[in-house]
Amino acid sequence: MVYFVVQQAVSVGSKTFGAQNQLLYRLLKGGIFTALLTILVVLFMVGNLTFIDLFVSALAFLPSGWALLQVMATHSIHIMNS
């Protein structure tokens, strides 16, 4: 869920700032990166998070992500054939 929010923020920032305000766009991306890095550091320090916990939680989302890709691919074939 967090990935989609971050991706949407970067996409909207890219469209809003574009080539005209490249500095603001890069500051937005840097701010998002810094915030995510800070959250990870706090989770490692306070919540006793380990790298194995991160790996296992990433693996938990792989099957659902793969299923979403398959559904999207199936629907795009039906849309193209219509």
PDB file of N, CA and C in Angstrom:
ATOM      1  N   MET A   1       0.821  -1.181   0.000  1.00  0.00           N
ATOM      2  CA  MET A   1       0.000   0.000   0.000  1.00  0.00           C
ATOM      3  C   MET A   1       0.868   1.249   0.000  1.00  0.00           C
ATOM      4  N   VAL A   2       1.928   1.207   0.791  1.00  0.00           N
ATOM      5  CA  VAL A   2       2.819   2.359   0.870  1.00  0.00           C
ATOM      6  C   VAL A   2       3.485   2.596  -0.479  1.00  0.00           C
ATOM      7  N   TYR A   3       3.843   1.519  -1.167  1.00  0.00           N
ATOM      8  CA  TYR A   3       4.480   1.647  -2.474  1.00  0.00           C
ATOM      9  C   TYR A   3       3.584   2.396  -3.452  1.00  0.00           C
ATOM     10  N   PHE A   4       2.301   2.072  -3.450  1.00  0.00           N
ATOM     11  CA  PHE A   4       1.380   2.724  -4.373  1.00  0.00           C
ATOM     12  C   PHE A   4       1.204   4.203  -4.044  1.00  0.00           C
ATOM     13  N   VAL A   5       1.207   4.546  -2.765  1.00  0.00           N
ATOM     14  CA  VAL A   5       1.095   5.947  -2.363  1.00  0.00           C
ATOM     15  C   VAL A   5       2.340   6.720  -2.795  1.00  0.00           C
ATOM     16  N   VAL A   6       3.511   6.119  -2.575  1.00  0.00           N
ATOM     17  CA  VAL A   6       4.760   6.771  -2.975  1.00  0.00           C
ATOM     18  C   VAL A   6       4.820   6.905  -4.492  1.00  0.00           C
ATOM     19  N   GLN A   7       4.440   5.869  -5.194  1.00  0.00           N
ATOM     20  CA  GLN A   7       4.450   5.907  -6.660  1.00  0.00           C
ATOM     21  C   GLN A   7       3.505   6.992  -7.173  1.00  0.00           C
ATOM     22  N   GLN A   8       2.338   7.113  -6.568  1.00  0.00           N
ATOM     23  CA  GLN A   8       1.377   8.139  -6.973  1.00  0.00           C
ATOM     24  C   GLN A   8       1.918   9.534  -6.682  1.00  0.00           C
ATOM     25  N   ALA A   9       2.576   9.709  -5.544  1.00  0.00           N
ATOM     26  CA  ALA A   9       3.148  11.012  -5.197  1.00  0.00           C
ATOM     27  C   ALA A   9       4.230  11.419  -6.189  1.00  0.00           C
ATOM     28  N   VAL A  10       5.081  10.482  -6.574  1.00  0.00           N
ATOM     29  CA  VAL A  10       6.129  10.781  -7.547  1.00  0.00           C
ATOM     30  C   VAL A  10       5.518  11.068  -8.909  1.00  0.00           C
ATOM     31  N   SER A  11       4.489  10.334  -9.288  1.00  0.00           N
ATOM     32  CA  SER A  11       3.833  10.553 -10.569  1.00  0.00           C
ATOM     33  C   SER A  11       3.164  11.923 -10.627  1.00  0.00           C
ATOM     34  N   VAL A  12       2.440  12.269  -9.576  1.00  0.00           N
ATOM     35  CA  VAL A  12       1.781  13.586  -9.536  1.00  0.00           C
ATOM     36  C   VAL A  12       2.831  14.692  -9.513  1.00  0.00           C
ATOM     37  N   GLY A  13       3.908  14.484  -8.767  1.00  0.00           N
ATOM     38  CA  GLY A  13       4.987  15.475  -8.736  1.00  0.00           C
ATOM     39  C   GLY A  13       5.632  15.654 -10.088  1.00  0.00           C
ATOM     40  N   SER A  14       5.801  14.563 -10.805  1.00  0.00           N
ATOM     41  CA  SER A  14       6.385  14.639 -12.138  1.00  0.00           C
ATOM     42  C   SER A  14       5.494  15.435 -13.083  1.00  0.00           C
ATOM     43  N   LYS A  15       4.183  15.197 -13.013  1.00  0.00           N
ATOM     44  CA  LYS A  15       3.251  15.911 -13.882  1.00  0.00           C
ATOM     45  C   LYS A  15       3.127  17.375 -13.471  1.00  0.00           C
ATOM     46  N   THR A  16       3.141  17.632 -12.159  1.00  0.00           N
ATOM     47  CA  THR A  16       2.966  18.994 -11.668  1.00  0.00           C
ATOM     48  C   THR A  16       4.202  19.851 -11.933  1.00  0.00           C
ATOM     49  N   PHE A  17       5.374  19.334 -11.583  1.00  0.00           N
ATOM     50  CA  PHE A  17       6.585  20.134 -11.709  1.00  0.00           C
ATOM     51  C   PHE A  17       7.228  19.981 -13.074  1.00  0.00           C
ATOM     52  N   GLY A  18       7.241  18.754 -13.603  1.00  0.00           N
ATOM     53  CA  GLY A  18       7.745  18.496 -14.947  1.00  0.00           C
ATOM     54  C   GLY A  18       9.135  19.052 -15.191  1.00  0.00           C
ATOM     55  N   ALA A  19       9.356  19.458 -16.418  1.00  0.00           N
ATOM     56  CA  ALA A  19      10.666  19.950 -16.824  1.00  0.00           C
ATOM     57  C   ALA A  19      10.884  21.395 -16.391  1.00  0.00           C
ATOM     58  N   GLN A  20       9.806  22.105 -16.095  1.00  0.00           N
ATOM     59  CA  GLN A  20       9.940  23.522 -15.751  1.00  0.00           C
ATOM     60  C   GLN A  20      10.562  23.711 -14.375  1.00  0.00           C
ATOM     61  N   ASN A  21      10.162  22.912 -13.429  1.00  0.00           N
ATOM     62  CA  ASN A  21      10.657  23.045 -12.059  1.00  0.00           C
ATOM     63  C   ASN A  21      11.353  21.759 -11.638  1.00  0.00           C
ATOM     64  N   GLN A  22      12.433  21.438 -12.321  1.00  0.00           N
ATOM     65  CA  GLN A  22      13.157  20.199 -12.066  1.00  0.00           C
ATOM     66  C   GLN A  22      13.687  20.151 -10.628  1.00  0.00           C
ATOM     67  N   LEU A  23      14.081  21.298 -10.082  1.00  0.00           N
ATOM     68  CA  LEU A  23      14.610  21.337  -8.726  1.00  0.00           C
ATOM     69  C   LEU A  23      13.544  20.945  -7.705  1.00  0.00           C
ATOM     70  N   LEU A  24      12.319  21.456  -7.858  1.00  0.00           N
ATOM     71  CA  LEU A  24      11.246  21.099  -6.930  1.00  0.00           C
ATOM     72  C   LEU A  24      10.905  19.614  -7.022  1.00  0.00           C
ATOM     73  N   TYR A  25      10.914  19.080  -8.233  1.00  0.00           N
ATOM     74  CA  TYR A  25      10.626  17.654  -8.423  1.00  0.00           C
ATOM     75  C   TYR A  25      11.687  16.803  -7.735  1.00  0.00           C
ATOM     76  N   ARG A  26      12.930  17.181  -7.888  1.00  0.00           N
ATOM     77  CA  ARG A  26      13.996  16.417  -7.244  1.00  0.00           C
ATOM     78  C   ARG A  26      13.940  16.550  -5.728  1.00  0.00           C
ATOM     79  N   LEU A  27      13.550  17.735  -5.235  1.00  0.00           N
ATOM     80  CA  LEU A  27      13.379  17.907  -3.796  1.00  0.00           C
ATOM     81  C   LEU A  27      12.239  17.043  -3.274  1.00  0.00           C
ATOM     82  N   LEU A  28      11.152  16.935  -4.041  1.00  0.00           N
ATOM     83  CA  LEU A  28      10.040  16.067  -3.655  1.00  0.00           C
ATOM     84  C   LEU A  28      10.494  14.615  -3.561  1.00  0.00           C
ATOM     85  N   LYS A  29      11.208  14.141  -4.570  1.00  0.00           N
ATOM     86  CA  LYS A  29      11.696  12.769  -4.557  1.00  0.00           C
ATOM     87  C   LYS A  29      12.679  12.532  -3.413  1.00  0.00           C
ATOM     88  N   GLY A  30      13.542  13.512  -3.171  1.00  0.00           N
ATOM     89  CA  GLY A  30      14.495  13.401  -2.066  1.00  0.00           C
ATOM     90  C   GLY A  30      13.798  13.380  -0.719  1.00  0.00           C
ATOM     91  N   GLY A  31      12.756  14.184  -0.574  1.00  0.00           N
ATOM     92  CA  GLY A  31      11.992  14.200   0.669  1.00  0.00           C
ATOM     93  C   GLY A  31      11.284  12.884   0.925  1.00  0.00           C
ATOM     94  N   ILE A  32      10.711  12.316  -0.126  1.00  0.00           N
ATOM     95  CA  ILE A  32      10.047  11.012   0.016  1.00  0.00           C
ATOM     96  C   ILE A  32      11.056   9.934   0.398  1.00  0.00           C
ATOM     97  N   PHE A  33      12.220   9.942  -0.258  1.00  0.00           N
ATOM     98  CA  PHE A  33      13.258   8.964   0.044  1.00  0.00           C
ATOM     99  C   PHE A  33      13.741   9.112   1.485  1.00  0.00           C
ATOM    100  N   THR A  34      13.966  10.354   1.917  1.00  0.00           N
ATOM    101  CA  THR A  34      14.432  10.600   3.278  1.00  0.00           C
ATOM    102  C   THR A  34      13.394  10.157   4.307  1.00  0.00           C
ATOM    103  N   ALA A  35      12.120  10.421   4.028  1.00  0.00           N
ATOM    104  CA  ALA A  35      11.062  10.016   4.953  1.00  0.00           C
ATOM    105  C   ALA A  35      10.993   8.493   5.071  1.00  0.00           C
ATOM    106  N   LEU A  36      11.055   7.787   3.951  1.00  0.00           N
ATOM    107  CA  LEU A  36      11.010   6.321   3.997  1.00  0.00           C
ATOM    108  C   LEU A  36      12.241   5.739   4.696  1.00  0.00           C
ATOM    109  N   LEU A  37      13.387   6.328   4.450  1.00  0.00           N
ATOM    110  CA  LEU A  37      14.605   5.866   5.110  1.00  0.00           C
ATOM    111  C   LEU A  37      14.535   6.109   6.614  1.00  0.00           C
ATOM    112  N   THR A  38      13.991   7.255   7.016  1.00  0.00           N
ATOM    113  CA  THR A  38      13.829   7.560   8.434  1.00  0.00           C
ATOM    114  C   THR A  38      12.879   6.578   9.101  1.00  0.00           C
ATOM    115  N   ILE A  39      11.788   6.259   8.432  1.00  0.00           N
ATOM    116  CA  ILE A  39      10.831   5.289   8.983  1.00  0.00           C
ATOM    117  C   ILE A  39      11.489   3.927   9.165  1.00  0.00           C
ATOM    118  N   LEU A  40      12.283   3.500   8.180  1.00  0.00           N
ATOM    119  CA  LEU A  40      12.973   2.211   8.300  1.00  0.00           C
ATOM    120  C   LEU A  40      13.967   2.216   9.462  1.00  0.00           C
ATOM    121  N   VAL A  41      14.716   3.297   9.607  1.00  0.00           N
ATOM    122  CA  VAL A  41      15.688   3.369  10.700  1.00  0.00           C
ATOM    123  C   VAL A  41      14.978   3.325  12.049  1.00  0.00           C
ATOM    124  N   VAL A  42      13.879   4.045  12.178  1.00  0.00           N
ATOM    125  CA  VAL A  42      13.119   4.025  13.437  1.00  0.00           C
ATOM    126  C   VAL A  42      12.581   2.620  13.711  1.00  0.00           C
ATOM    127  N   LEU A  43      12.081   1.944  12.684  1.00  0.00           N
ATOM    128  CA  LEU A  43      11.582   0.584  12.880  1.00  0.00           C
ATOM    129  C   LEU A  43      12.703  -0.373  13.282  1.00  0.00           C
ATOM    130  N   PHE A  44      13.889  -0.206  12.709  1.00  0.00           N
ATOM    131  CA  PHE A  44      15.006  -1.060  13.087  1.00  0.00           C
ATOM    132  C   PHE A  44      15.440  -0.807  14.524  1.00  0.00           C
ATOM    133  N   MET A  45      15.462   0.462  14.922  1.00  0.00           N
ATOM    134  CA  MET A  45      15.963   0.802  16.257  1.00  0.00           C
ATOM    135  C   MET A  45      14.918   0.547  17.345  1.00  0.00           C
ATOM    136  N   VAL A  46      13.703   1.022  17.158  1.00  0.00           N
ATOM    137  CA  VAL A  46      12.680   0.955  18.202  1.00  0.00           C
ATOM    138  C   VAL A  46      11.934  -0.380  18.168  1.00  0.00           C
ATOM    139  N   GLY A  47      11.575  -0.822  16.977  1.00  0.00           N
ATOM    140  CA  GLY A  47      10.751  -2.020  16.867  1.00  0.00           C
ATOM    141  C   GLY A  47      11.518  -3.315  16.745  1.00  0.00           C
ATOM    142  N   ASN A  48      12.841  -3.266  16.876  1.00  0.00           N
ATOM    143  CA  ASN A  48      13.685  -4.459  16.753  1.00  0.00           C
ATOM    144  C   ASN A  48      13.434  -5.200  15.440  1.00  0.00           C
ATOM    145  N   LEU A  49      13.271  -4.461  14.371  1.00  0.00           N
ATOM    146  CA  LEU A  49      13.064  -5.044  13.051  1.00  0.00           C
ATOM    147  C   LEU A  49      14.388  -5.596  12.536  1.00  0.00           C
ATOM    148  N   THR A  50      14.328  -6.724  11.834  1.00  0.00           N
ATOM    149  CA  THR A  50      15.530  -7.300  11.240  1.00  0.00           C
ATOM    150  C   THR A  50      15.358  -7.365   9.730  1.00  0.00           C
ATOM    151  N   PHE A  51      16.451  -7.627   9.031  1.00  0.00           N
ATOM    152  CA  PHE A  51      16.383  -7.741   7.579  1.00  0.00           C
ATOM    153  C   PHE A  51      15.540  -8.941   7.154  1.00  0.00           C
ATOM    154  N   ILE A  52      15.551  -9.976   7.957  1.00  0.00           N
ATOM    155  CA  ILE A  52      14.734 -11.148   7.653  1.00  0.00           C
ATOM    156  C   ILE A  52      13.251 -10.786   7.729  1.00  0.00           C
ATOM    157  N   ASP A  53      12.891  -9.932   8.687  1.00  0.00           N
ATOM    158  CA  ASP A  53      11.494  -9.473   8.771  1.00  0.00           C
ATOM    159  C   ASP A  53      11.090  -8.726   7.504  1.00  0.00           C
ATOM    160  N   LEU A  54      11.986  -7.870   7.006  1.00  0.00           N
ATOM    161  CA  LEU A  54      11.702  -7.143   5.764  1.00  0.00           C
ATOM    162  C   LEU A  54      11.558  -8.107   4.588  1.00  0.00           C
ATOM    163  N   PHE A  55      12.440  -9.078   4.520  1.00  0.00           N
ATOM    164  CA  PHE A  55      12.406 -10.046   3.427  1.00  0.00           C
ATOM    165  C   PHE A  55      11.129 -10.868   3.456  1.00  0.00           C
ATOM    166  N   VAL A  56      10.743 -11.328   4.635  1.00  0.00           N
ATOM    167  CA  VAL A  56       9.541 -12.145   4.767  1.00  0.00           C
ATOM    168  C   VAL A  56       8.290 -11.330   4.440  1.00  0.00           C
ATOM    169  N   SER A  57       8.250 -10.079   4.880  1.00  0.00           N
ATOM    170  CA  SER A  57       7.080  -9.252   4.576  1.00  0.00           C
ATOM    171  C   SER A  57       7.008  -8.938   3.088  1.00  0.00           C
ATOM    172  N   ALA A  58       8.143  -8.780   2.416  1.00  0.00           N
ATOM    173  CA  ALA A  58       8.130  -8.569   0.966  1.00  0.00           C
ATOM    174  C   ALA A  58       7.645  -9.828   0.252  1.00  0.00           C
ATOM    175  N   LEU A  59       8.053 -10.991   0.731  1.00  0.00           N
ATOM    176  CA  LEU A  59       7.598 -12.244   0.126  1.00  0.00           C
ATOM    177  C   LEU A  59       6.097 -12.450   0.300  1.00  0.00           C
ATOM    178  N   ALA A  60       5.542 -11.906   1.363  1.00  0.00           N
ATOM    179  CA  ALA A  60       4.108 -12.066   1.608  1.00  0.00           C
ATOM    180  C   ALA A  60       3.283 -11.378   0.523  1.00  0.00           C
ATOM    181  N   PHE A  61       3.824 -10.334  -0.091  1.00  0.00           N
ATOM    182  CA  PHE A  61       3.066  -9.595  -1.097  1.00  0.00           C
ATOM    183  C   PHE A  61       3.334 -10.074  -2.520  1.00  0.00           C
ATOM    184  N   LEU A  62       4.319 -10.904  -2.739  1.00  0.00           N
ATOM    185  CA  LEU A  62       4.636 -11.355  -4.093  1.00  0.00           C
ATOM    186  C   LEU A  62       3.504 -12.140  -4.763  1.00  0.00           C
ATOM    187  N   PRO A  63       2.891 -13.121  -4.116  1.00  0.00           N
ATOM    188  CA  PRO A  63       1.825 -13.849  -4.805  1.00  0.00           C
ATOM    189  C   PRO A  63       0.645 -12.956  -5.180  1.00  0.00           C
ATOM    190  N   SER A  64       0.260 -12.038  -4.299  1.00  0.00           N
ATOM    191  CA  SER A  64      -0.876 -11.178  -4.620  1.00  0.00           C
ATOM    192  C   SER A  64      -0.512 -10.214  -5.747  1.00  0.00           C
ATOM    193  N   GLY A  65       0.723  -9.736  -5.754  1.00  0.00           N
ATOM    194  CA  GLY A  65       1.157  -8.867  -6.842  1.00  0.00           C
ATOM    195  C   GLY A  65       1.179  -9.605  -8.165  1.00  0.00           C
ATOM    196  N   TRP A  66       1.649 -10.847  -8.140  1.00  0.00           N
ATOM    197  CA  TRP A  66       1.669 -11.658  -9.350  1.00  0.00           C
ATOM    198  C   TRP A  66       0.252 -11.921  -9.843  1.00  0.00           C
ATOM    199  N   ALA A  67      -0.669 -12.181  -8.925  1.00  0.00           N
ATOM    200  CA  ALA A  67      -2.062 -12.415  -9.304  1.00  0.00           C
ATOM    201  C   ALA A  67      -2.669 -11.157  -9.921  1.00  0.00           C
ATOM    202  N   LEU A  68      -2.363  -9.997  -9.373  1.00  0.00           N
ATOM    203  CA  LEU A  68      -2.874  -8.752  -9.956  1.00  0.00           C
ATOM    204  C   LEU A  68      -2.338  -8.543 -11.374  1.00  0.00           C
ATOM    205  N   LEU A  69      -1.069  -8.858 -11.585  1.00  0.00           N
ATOM    206  CA  LEU A  69      -0.510  -8.731 -12.938  1.00  0.00           C
ATOM    207  C   LEU A  69      -1.202  -9.672 -13.915  1.00  0.00           C
ATOM    208  N   GLN A  70      -1.495 -10.877 -13.473  1.00  0.00           N
ATOM    209  CA  GLN A  70      -2.169 -11.835 -14.339  1.00  0.00           C
ATOM    210  C   GLN A  70      -3.586 -11.372 -14.687  1.00  0.00           C
ATOM    211  N   VAL A  71      -4.295 -10.839 -13.705  1.00  0.00           N
ATOM    212  CA  VAL A  71      -5.649 -10.342 -13.951  1.00  0.00           C
ATOM    213  C   VAL A  71      -5.602  -9.166 -14.911  1.00  0.00           C
ATOM    214  N   MET A  72      -4.643  -8.252 -14.706  1.00  0.00           N
ATOM    215  CA  MET A  72      -4.531  -7.098 -15.598  1.00  0.00           C
ATOM    216  C   MET A  72      -4.186  -7.533 -17.015  1.00  0.00           C
ATOM    217  N   ALA A  73      -3.309  -8.517 -17.157  1.00  0.00           N
ATOM    218  CA  ALA A  73      -2.949  -9.006 -18.478  1.00  0.00           C
ATOM    219  C   ALA A  73      -4.147  -9.648 -19.168  1.00  0.00           C
ATOM    220  N   THR A  74      -4.932 -10.389 -18.426  1.00  0.00           N
ATOM    221  CA  THR A  74      -6.116 -11.023 -18.989  1.00  0.00           C
ATOM    222  C   THR A  74      -7.127  -9.980 -19.441  1.00  0.00           C
ATOM    223  N   HIS A  75      -7.337  -8.966 -18.614  1.00  0.00           N
ATOM    224  CA  HIS A  75      -8.302  -7.926 -18.979  1.00  0.00           C
ATOM    225  C   HIS A  75      -7.822  -7.094 -20.155  1.00  0.00           C
ATOM    226  N   SER A  76      -6.512  -6.862 -20.262  1.00  0.00           N
ATOM    227  CA  SER A  76      -6.021  -6.076 -21.388  1.00  0.00           C
ATOM    228  C   SER A  76      -6.193  -6.851 -22.692  1.00  0.00           C
ATOM    229  N   ILE A  77      -6.083  -8.168 -22.646  1.00  0.00           N
ATOM    230  CA  ILE A  77      -6.320  -8.962 -23.858  1.00  0.00           C
ATOM    231  C   ILE A  77      -7.780  -8.870 -24.270  1.00  0.00           C
ATOM    232  N   HIS A  78      -8.703  -8.940 -23.304  1.00  0.00           N
ATOM    233  CA  HIS A  78     -10.124  -8.828 -23.612  1.00  0.00           C
ATOM    234  C   HIS A  78     -10.470  -7.434 -24.141  1.00  0.00           C
ATOM    235  N   ILE A  79      -9.854  -6.422 -23.612  1.00  0.00           N
ATOM    236  CA  ILE A  79     -10.120  -5.055 -24.073  1.00  0.00           C
ATOM    237  C   ILE A  79      -9.591  -4.857 -25.491  1.00  0.00           C
ATOM    238  N   MET A  80      -8.399  -5.403 -25.766  1.00  0.00           N
ATOM    239  CA  MET A  80      -7.821  -5.250 -27.112  1.00  0.00           C
ATOM    240  C   MET A  80      -8.621  -6.014 -28.152  1.00  0.00           C
ATOM    241  N   ASN A  81      -9.234  -7.127 -27.791  1.00  0.00           N
ATOM    242  CA  ASN A  81     -10.013  -7.917 -28.736  1.00  0.00           C
ATOM    243  C   ASN A  81     -11.401  -7.330 -28.963  1.00  0.00           C
ATOM    244  N   SER A  82     -11.843  -6.428 -28.096  1.00  0.00           N
ATOM    245  CA  SER A  82     -13.194  -5.853 -28.248  1.00  0.00           C
ATOM    246  C   SER A  82     -13.239  -4.820 -29.341  1.00  0.00           C
TER     247      SER A  82
END
